[in-house]
Amino acid sequence: MTESTPQSAAGKPAPTPGLRMLIDFGPLAVFFAVNSLMGGPQLARMMAATAAFMVAIFIAIGISLWKTKHVSPMLWISGALVLVFGGLTLWFHDETFIKVKPTIVYSMFAAVLAYGLITRKPLLQMLLESAYPGLTAKGWRLLTINWTVFFVAMAVLNEVVWRTQSWDFWVGFKLWGVVPLTLIFAMGNIPMLLRHGLTTDREIVDKALPPEQ
């Protein structure tokens, strides 16, 4: 008999760390690869990379549905915004739309989480679902504050980078800047989470990362 697939708290197959990284950051890797490997003028590379990014993120959604029978709310939101802003980029042949998309996504998440803090609604817990079993209400509140600040900082950082740097620099920053910063931030929260009731015997860094923006 084969080994059973790990299950999440909601009874759905739980993604392995490798699968979770593929779903969350695979589309970004495709975006970077197409832009880097394709020859020709910047406009052609931008159009091809954006189109590939749009296809890749919906493949990631499909893989999530196939392997885990589930797509996180954050991935649905990110996918929808990629469709909108990627479509605008291709229609108008203007890279501004795809560049500003992360700012809008980060700002949206920050606003939603800030609203949850003000109204004392556990919106982050609803978004992340069973990612942090055993975490206390105080732990969720602290984590919400941390993610809110992170999203605001990333929105500002994205604006600074795309407005002051070249297209190729911005694309590289998306992969070699955003991904490490997100992972470092997630790991930095672990001691606080453990102090506030987190109980799990599985890897916890990969379980509650926002999808690539």
Protein backbone atom coordinates (compact mmCIF):
# COMPACT_ATOMS: atom_id res chain seq x y z
CA MET A 1 0.00 0.00 0.00
CA THR A 2 1.36 3.43 -0.87
CA GLU A 3 1.86 6.11 1.73
CA SER A 4 -1.18 8.36 2.14
CA THR A 5 -1.03 11.99 1.05
CA PRO A 6 -0.63 14.47 3.93
CA GLN A 7 -3.88 16.22 4.77
CA SER A 8 -4.47 19.78 5.89
CA ALA A 9 -6.64 20.67 8.83
CA ALA A 10 -9.56 21.16 6.42
CA GLY A 11 -9.19 17.62 5.05
CA LYS A 12 -7.62 18.67 1.75
CA PRO A 13 -4.26 17.25 0.57
CA ALA A 14 -1.53 19.47 1.99
CA PRO A 15 1.06 20.71 -0.53
CA THR A 16 4.66 19.74 0.02
CA PRO A 17 7.16 22.58 0.50
CA GLY A 18 8.45 22.07 -3.03
CA LEU A 19 4.97 22.16 -4.54
CA ARG A 20 4.08 25.25 -2.55
CA MET A 21 7.18 27.06 -3.81
CA LEU A 22 6.37 25.98 -7.38
CA ILE A 23 2.83 27.33 -7.12
CA ASP A 24 3.81 30.58 -5.43
CA PHE A 25 7.02 31.47 -7.23
CA GLY A 26 7.00 29.37 -10.41
CA PRO A 27 5.16 32.04 -12.47
CA LEU A 28 7.73 34.63 -11.44
CA ALA A 29 10.56 32.33 -12.53
CA VAL A 30 8.85 31.93 -15.92
CA PHE A 31 8.48 35.71 -16.20
CA PHE A 32 12.18 36.20 -15.47
CA ALA A 33 13.32 33.39 -17.76
CA VAL A 34 11.33 34.54 -20.79
CA ASN A 35 12.50 38.12 -20.39
CA SER A 36 16.14 37.05 -19.92
CA LEU A 37 16.37 34.38 -22.62
CA MET A 38 14.35 35.99 -25.39
CA GLY A 39 16.26 38.21 -27.77
CA GLY A 40 15.06 41.34 -29.45
CA PRO A 41 13.99 44.80 -28.32
CA GLN A 42 12.68 45.49 -24.83
CA LEU A 43 9.07 45.89 -25.99
CA ALA A 44 9.03 42.43 -27.54
CA ARG A 45 10.61 40.86 -24.44
CA MET A 46 8.17 42.69 -22.16
CA MET A 47 5.17 41.51 -24.17
CA ALA A 48 6.38 37.91 -24.30
CA ALA A 49 7.31 37.80 -20.61
CA THR A 50 3.97 39.30 -19.57
CA ALA A 51 2.01 36.83 -21.69
CA ALA A 52 4.06 33.93 -20.29
CA PHE A 53 3.50 35.22 -16.75
CA MET A 54 -0.27 35.29 -17.30
CA VAL A 55 -0.29 31.73 -18.61
CA ALA A 56 2.04 30.49 -15.86
CA ILE A 57 0.01 31.85 -12.98
CA PHE A 58 -3.14 30.15 -14.23
CA ILE A 59 -1.21 26.93 -14.70
CA ALA A 60 -0.15 27.36 -11.05
CA ILE A 61 -3.79 27.75 -10.06
CA GLY A 62 -4.62 24.60 -12.02
CA ILE A 63 -1.81 22.66 -10.33
CA SER A 64 -3.07 23.82 -6.94
CA LEU A 65 -6.58 22.59 -7.77
CA TRP A 66 -5.24 19.31 -9.12
CA LYS A 67 -2.81 18.52 -6.33
CA THR A 68 -4.56 20.03 -3.30
CA LYS A 69 -8.20 20.37 -4.45
CA HIS A 70 -7.97 23.96 -3.31
CA VAL A 71 -6.73 27.44 -4.28
CA SER A 72 -5.93 29.97 -1.57
CA PRO A 73 -7.89 33.25 -1.63
CA MET A 74 -4.63 35.17 -2.00
CA LEU A 75 -3.69 33.18 -5.11
CA TRP A 76 -7.13 33.76 -6.64
CA ILE A 77 -6.75 37.51 -6.05
CA SER A 78 -3.24 37.59 -7.46
CA GLY A 79 -4.31 35.58 -10.51
CA ALA A 80 -7.24 37.88 -11.21
CA LEU A 81 -5.05 40.98 -11.00
CA VAL A 82 -2.40 39.42 -13.23
CA LEU A 83 -5.13 38.84 -15.82
CA VAL A 84 -6.32 42.46 -15.60
CA PHE A 85 -2.97 44.24 -15.53
CA GLY A 86 -1.26 41.79 -17.85
CA GLY A 87 -4.11 42.27 -20.31
CA LEU A 88 -3.76 46.05 -20.10
CA THR A 89 -0.01 45.74 -20.64
CA LEU A 90 -0.51 43.68 -23.80
CA TRP A 91 -3.37 45.81 -25.12
CA PHE A 92 -1.63 49.16 -24.70
CA HIS A 93 1.94 47.89 -25.19
CA ASP A 94 2.80 49.73 -21.98
CA GLU A 95 4.96 48.16 -19.26
CA THR A 96 3.62 50.57 -16.63
CA PHE A 97 0.57 48.39 -15.99
CA ILE A 98 2.51 45.23 -15.13
CA LYS A 99 5.02 47.25 -13.10
CA VAL A 100 2.37 48.93 -10.95
CA LYS A 101 0.43 45.70 -10.35
CA PRO A 102 2.55 44.62 -7.35
CA THR A 103 2.04 48.03 -5.75
CA ILE A 104 -1.72 47.66 -6.07
CA VAL A 105 -1.68 44.08 -4.80
CA TYR A 106 0.49 44.93 -1.79
CA SER A 107 -1.60 48.02 -1.04
CA MET A 108 -4.83 46.02 -1.29
CA PHE A 109 -3.59 43.34 1.10
CA ALA A 110 -2.31 45.99 3.51
CA ALA A 111 -5.65 47.82 3.44
CA VAL A 112 -7.63 44.62 4.02
CA LEU A 113 -5.44 43.59 6.95
CA ALA A 114 -5.53 47.09 8.43
CA TYR A 115 -9.32 47.02 8.21
CA GLY A 116 -9.29 43.68 10.05
CA LEU A 117 -7.13 45.17 12.80
CA ILE A 118 -9.41 48.19 13.20
CA THR A 119 -12.61 46.14 13.24
CA ARG A 120 -11.01 43.28 15.21
CA LYS A 121 -11.92 40.75 12.54
CA PRO A 122 -9.43 37.90 11.97
CA LEU A 123 -9.08 38.54 8.24
CA LEU A 124 -5.53 37.21 8.02
CA GLN A 125 -6.64 34.01 9.71
CA MET A 126 -9.41 33.70 7.12
CA LEU A 127 -6.93 34.25 4.26
CA LEU A 128 -4.32 31.84 5.58
CA GLU A 129 -6.88 29.37 6.90
CA SER A 130 -5.13 26.50 8.72
CA ALA A 131 -1.56 27.62 8.06
CA TYR A 132 -0.75 28.28 11.74
CA PRO A 133 -2.50 25.68 13.95
CA GLY A 134 -2.72 26.58 17.63
CA LEU A 135 -1.83 30.25 17.17
CA THR A 136 -3.55 32.40 19.78
CA ALA A 137 -5.69 35.45 19.05
CA LYS A 138 -2.83 37.68 20.18
CA GLY A 139 -0.47 35.81 17.89
CA TRP A 140 -2.79 36.33 14.93
CA ARG A 141 -3.06 40.04 15.76
CA LEU A 142 0.72 40.46 15.95
CA LEU A 143 1.17 38.52 12.73
CA THR A 144 -1.46 40.69 11.05
CA ILE A 145 0.38 43.84 12.14
CA ASN A 146 3.66 42.45 10.85
CA TRP A 147 2.24 41.49 7.45
CA THR A 148 0.47 44.83 7.13
CA VAL A 149 3.73 46.70 7.68
CA PHE A 150 5.52 44.33 5.29
CA PHE A 151 2.98 44.86 2.52
CA VAL A 152 3.16 48.65 2.91
CA ALA A 153 6.96 48.53 2.78
CA MET A 154 6.92 46.30 -0.30
CA ALA A 155 4.44 48.59 -2.08
CA VAL A 156 6.72 51.56 -1.46
CA LEU A 157 9.80 49.58 -2.49
CA ASN A 158 8.19 48.44 -5.74
CA GLU A 159 7.27 52.03 -6.57
CA VAL A 160 10.81 53.22 -5.94
CA VAL A 161 12.38 50.45 -8.02
CA TRP A 162 10.16 50.62 -11.09
CA ARG A 163 10.21 54.42 -11.21
CA THR A 164 13.99 54.74 -10.88
CA GLN A 165 15.42 51.62 -12.52
CA SER A 166 15.36 49.94 -15.92
CA TRP A 167 12.90 47.26 -17.03
CA ASP A 168 15.50 44.49 -16.75
CA PHE A 169 16.54 45.62 -13.27
CA TRP A 170 12.91 45.60 -12.12
CA VAL A 171 12.33 42.11 -13.52
CA GLY A 172 15.45 40.85 -11.75
CA PHE A 173 14.38 42.57 -8.55
CA LYS A 174 11.08 40.68 -8.68
CA LEU A 175 12.91 37.36 -8.52
CA TRP A 176 16.15 38.06 -6.68
CA GLY A 177 14.82 40.78 -4.37
CA VAL A 178 11.15 40.13 -3.61
CA VAL A 179 11.42 36.36 -3.10
CA PRO A 180 14.36 36.47 -0.61
CA LEU A 181 12.79 39.40 1.27
CA THR A 182 9.51 37.52 1.59
CA LEU A 183 11.18 34.32 2.79
CA ILE A 184 13.37 36.19 5.28
CA PHE A 185 10.35 38.04 6.61
CA ALA A 186 8.34 34.82 6.97
CA MET A 187 11.19 33.12 8.83
CA GLY A 188 11.63 36.17 11.04
CA ASN A 189 8.08 35.70 12.32
CA ILE A 190 8.62 32.13 13.46
CA PRO A 191 9.97 32.88 16.98
CA MET A 192 6.98 35.15 17.67
CA LEU A 193 4.57 32.51 16.36
CA LEU A 194 6.10 29.82 18.56
CA ARG A 195 5.77 32.09 21.61
CA HIS A 196 2.06 32.51 20.90
CA GLY A 197 0.86 28.97 20.66
CA LEU A 198 1.90 27.72 17.23
CA THR A 199 1.93 23.92 17.35
CA THR A 200 2.96 21.99 14.26
CA ASP A 201 5.41 19.28 13.32
CA ARG A 202 5.60 20.36 9.69
CA GLU A 203 7.59 23.05 7.91
CA ILE A 204 5.93 26.37 8.64
CA VAL A 205 7.82 28.90 6.53
CA ASP A 206 6.34 27.74 3.25
CA LYS A 207 2.76 27.37 4.45
CA ALA A 208 1.63 30.97 4.63
CA LEU A 209 3.60 32.93 2.08
CA PRO A 210 1.68 35.27 -0.14
CA PRO A 211 1.83 34.30 -3.78
CA GLU A 212 4.32 36.04 -6.03
CA GLN A 213 3.23 39.56 -6.82
